[in-house]
Amino acid sequence: MSWAYQDKPELTAQLAEAYTSIGNANHALVIPAGLAFARSVEKRPDLNLYAADKRHPSLFGTYLAAATVFGSLDDKSPVGNSYTAGIDPSTASFLQTVAWETVQNYYGRNASN
């Protein structure tokens, strides 16, 4: 699932619905990266997930998307992963947590797992 453009956050719900609907119709796994972006922006609007074009991800956005993929595919929390891609540990931990919360919420799992 793609994320909304930085200057079009209102598209998040539409994108999520479209990806989920198409994924369900095709029995395909949908990874909620777009919802993770929205959650991160809501919690820490100061953390820029986007490149200058407002569409592609920054290092933070790429890291968040990767943590969301990891959590979705492995059904394991990325929280505590030692790889930070050069991001300061507290920010990496925040992004890992957002990714895991989003994965748990999207798939209807208990977020304490």
C-alpha atoms as a PDB file:
ATOM      1  CA  MET A   1       0.000   0.000   0.000  1.00  0.00           C
ATOM      2  CA  SER A   2       1.463   3.286  -1.075  1.00  0.00           C
ATOM      3  CA  TRP A   3       1.370   6.428   1.016  1.00  0.00           C
ATOM      4  CA  ALA A   4      -0.393   9.651   0.162  1.00  0.00           C
ATOM      5  CA  TYR A   5       1.686  12.475  -1.232  1.00  0.00           C
ATOM      6  CA  GLN A   6       2.949  14.799   1.475  1.00  0.00           C
ATOM      7  CA  ASP A   7       0.755  17.627   0.214  1.00  0.00           C
ATOM      8  CA  LYS A   8      -2.321  15.354  -0.216  1.00  0.00           C
ATOM      9  CA  PRO A   9      -2.716  13.519   3.124  1.00  0.00           C
ATOM     10  CA  GLU A  10      -6.459  13.333   2.593  1.00  0.00           C
ATOM     11  CA  LEU A  11      -5.820  10.571   0.034  1.00  0.00           C
ATOM     12  CA  THR A  12      -4.686   8.130   2.736  1.00  0.00           C
ATOM     13  CA  ALA A  13      -8.132   6.635   3.340  1.00  0.00           C
ATOM     14  CA  GLN A  14      -8.867   6.273  -0.375  1.00  0.00           C
ATOM     15  CA  LEU A  15      -5.529   4.599  -1.035  1.00  0.00           C
ATOM     16  CA  ALA A  16      -5.950   2.245   1.919  1.00  0.00           C
ATOM     17  CA  GLU A  17      -9.434   1.256   0.792  1.00  0.00           C
ATOM     18  CA  ALA A  18      -8.352   0.685  -2.809  1.00  0.00           C
ATOM     19  CA  TYR A  19      -5.276  -1.385  -1.931  1.00  0.00           C
ATOM     20  CA  THR A  20      -7.190  -3.432   0.635  1.00  0.00           C
ATOM     21  CA  SER A  21     -10.111  -4.080  -1.703  1.00  0.00           C
ATOM     22  CA  ILE A  22      -7.900  -5.106  -4.613  1.00  0.00           C
ATOM     23  CA  GLY A  23      -5.673  -7.194  -2.344  1.00  0.00           C
ATOM     24  CA  ASN A  24      -8.676  -9.031  -0.932  1.00  0.00           C
ATOM     25  CA  ALA A  25     -10.163  -9.628  -4.384  1.00  0.00           C
ATOM     26  CA  ASN A  26      -6.871 -11.130  -5.550  1.00  0.00           C
ATOM     27  CA  HIS A  27      -5.974 -12.986  -2.342  1.00  0.00           C
ATOM     28  CA  ALA A  28      -2.815 -10.870  -2.138  1.00  0.00           C
ATOM     29  CA  LEU A  29      -1.020  -9.683   0.976  1.00  0.00           C
ATOM     30  CA  VAL A  30      -1.269  -5.923   1.389  1.00  0.00           C
ATOM     31  CA  ILE A  31       1.459  -4.268   3.426  1.00  0.00           C
ATOM     32  CA  PRO A  32       0.091  -1.131   5.124  1.00  0.00           C
ATOM     33  CA  ALA A  33       3.012   1.212   4.479  1.00  0.00           C
ATOM     34  CA  GLY A  34       0.677   4.082   3.634  1.00  0.00           C
ATOM     35  CA  LEU A  35      -1.124   3.727   6.941  1.00  0.00           C
ATOM     36  CA  ALA A  36       2.223   3.636   8.747  1.00  0.00           C
ATOM     37  CA  PHE A  37       3.152   6.932   7.082  1.00  0.00           C
ATOM     38  CA  ALA A  38      -0.134   8.494   8.226  1.00  0.00           C
ATOM     39  CA  ARG A  39       0.347   7.223  11.789  1.00  0.00           C
ATOM     40  CA  SER A  40       3.890   8.557  11.929  1.00  0.00           C
ATOM     41  CA  VAL A  41       2.862  11.973  10.602  1.00  0.00           C
ATOM     42  CA  GLU A  42       0.058  12.106  13.176  1.00  0.00           C
ATOM     43  CA  LYS A  43       2.392  11.264  16.051  1.00  0.00           C
ATOM     44  CA  ARG A  44       5.487  13.170  14.936  1.00  0.00           C
ATOM     45  CA  PRO A  45       4.686  15.745  12.240  1.00  0.00           C
ATOM     46  CA  ASP A  46       8.203  17.153  12.688  1.00  0.00           C
ATOM     47  CA  LEU A  47       9.739  13.962  11.264  1.00  0.00           C
ATOM     48  CA  ASN A  48       9.902  14.359   7.480  1.00  0.00           C
ATOM     49  CA  LEU A  49       9.162  11.057   5.753  1.00  0.00           C
ATOM     50  CA  TYR A  50       9.324  12.567   2.267  1.00  0.00           C
ATOM     51  CA  ALA A  51      11.951  13.615  -0.254  1.00  0.00           C
ATOM     52  CA  ALA A  52      11.841  17.143  -1.672  1.00  0.00           C
ATOM     53  CA  ASP A  53       9.340  16.098  -4.378  1.00  0.00           C
ATOM     54  CA  LYS A  54       6.761  15.296  -1.628  1.00  0.00           C
ATOM     55  CA  ARG A  55       6.100  11.906  -3.191  1.00  0.00           C
ATOM     56  CA  HIS A  56       9.111   9.672  -2.708  1.00  0.00           C
ATOM     57  CA  PRO A  57      10.315   8.668   0.743  1.00  0.00           C
ATOM     58  CA  SER A  58      13.184  10.216   2.644  1.00  0.00           C
ATOM     59  CA  LEU A  59      15.558   7.956   4.588  1.00  0.00           C
ATOM     60  CA  PHE A  60      13.053   8.049   7.472  1.00  0.00           C
ATOM     61  CA  GLY A  61      10.179   7.113   5.157  1.00  0.00           C
ATOM     62  CA  THR A  62      12.173   4.314   3.559  1.00  0.00           C
ATOM     63  CA  TYR A  63      13.105   2.956   6.973  1.00  0.00           C
ATOM     64  CA  LEU A  64       9.473   3.093   8.123  1.00  0.00           C
ATOM     65  CA  ALA A  65       8.284   1.306   4.981  1.00  0.00           C
ATOM     66  CA  ALA A  66      10.967  -1.374   5.390  1.00  0.00           C
ATOM     67  CA  ALA A  67      10.029  -1.934   9.043  1.00  0.00           C
ATOM     68  CA  THR A  68       6.387  -2.267   7.980  1.00  0.00           C
ATOM     69  CA  VAL A  69       7.337  -4.826   5.323  1.00  0.00           C
ATOM     70  CA  PHE A  70       9.379  -6.760   7.874  1.00  0.00           C
ATOM     71  CA  GLY A  71       6.539  -6.818  10.398  1.00  0.00           C
ATOM     72  CA  SER A  72       4.002  -7.816   7.763  1.00  0.00           C
ATOM     73  CA  LEU A  73       6.005 -10.594   6.139  1.00  0.00           C
ATOM     74  CA  ASP A  74       7.635 -12.078   9.230  1.00  0.00           C
ATOM     75  CA  ASP A  75       4.794 -11.439  11.679  1.00  0.00           C
ATOM     76  CA  LYS A  76       7.503 -10.299  14.085  1.00  0.00           C
ATOM     77  CA  SER A  77       7.991  -6.954  15.706  1.00  0.00           C
ATOM     78  CA  PRO A  78      10.737  -4.801  14.195  1.00  0.00           C
ATOM     79  CA  VAL A  79      11.016  -3.005  17.557  1.00  0.00           C
ATOM     80  CA  GLY A  80      14.504  -3.462  18.901  1.00  0.00           C
ATOM     81  CA  ASN A  81      16.094  -4.284  15.552  1.00  0.00           C
ATOM     82  CA  SER A  82      19.685  -3.089  15.806  1.00  0.00           C
ATOM     83  CA  TYR A  83      19.906  -1.958  12.186  1.00  0.00           C
ATOM     84  CA  THR A  84      19.150   1.763  12.049  1.00  0.00           C
ATOM     85  CA  ALA A  85      20.389   2.785   8.571  1.00  0.00           C
ATOM     86  CA  GLY A  86      22.343   5.580  10.245  1.00  0.00           C
ATOM     87  CA  ILE A  87      19.204   7.023  11.866  1.00  0.00           C
ATOM     88  CA  ASP A  88      19.597   7.998  15.512  1.00  0.00           C
ATOM     89  CA  PRO A  89      18.451   5.129  17.737  1.00  0.00           C
ATOM     90  CA  SER A  90      15.487   6.950  19.313  1.00  0.00           C
ATOM     91  CA  THR A  91      14.065   7.907  15.908  1.00  0.00           C
ATOM     92  CA  ALA A  92      14.661   4.385  14.563  1.00  0.00           C
ATOM     93  CA  SER A  93      12.856   2.993  17.610  1.00  0.00           C
ATOM     94  CA  PHE A  94       9.944   5.361  17.029  1.00  0.00           C
ATOM     95  CA  LEU A  95       9.667   4.276  13.373  1.00  0.00           C
ATOM     96  CA  GLN A  96       9.914   0.591  14.320  1.00  0.00           C
ATOM     97  CA  THR A  97       7.143   1.070  16.880  1.00  0.00           C
ATOM     98  CA  VAL A  98       4.888   2.901  14.424  1.00  0.00           C
ATOM     99  CA  ALA A  99       5.443   0.158  11.858  1.00  0.00           C
ATOM    100  CA  TRP A 100       4.550  -2.585  14.332  1.00  0.00           C
ATOM    101  CA  GLU A 101       1.505  -0.774  15.718  1.00  0.00           C
ATOM    102  CA  THR A 102       0.271  -0.245  12.160  1.00  0.00           C
ATOM    103  CA  VAL A 103       0.823  -3.878  11.162  1.00  0.00           C
ATOM    104  CA  GLN A 104      -0.952  -5.128  14.273  1.00  0.00           C
ATOM    105  CA  ASN A 105      -3.858  -2.745  13.757  1.00  0.00           C
ATOM    106  CA  TYR A 106      -4.212  -3.439  10.032  1.00  0.00           C
ATOM    107  CA  TYR A 107      -4.267  -7.206  10.398  1.00  0.00           C
ATOM    108  CA  GLY A 108      -6.435  -7.067  13.529  1.00  0.00           C
ATOM    109  CA  ARG A 109      -3.853  -8.581  15.826  1.00  0.00           C
ATOM    110  CA  ASN A 110      -3.144  -7.844  19.451  1.00  0.00           C
ATOM    111  CA  ALA A 111      -0.656  -4.950  19.467  1.00  0.00           C
ATOM    112  CA  SER A 112       1.126  -6.333  22.533  1.00  0.00           C
ATOM    113  CA  ASN A 113       2.565  -9.272  20.547  1.00  0.00           C
END
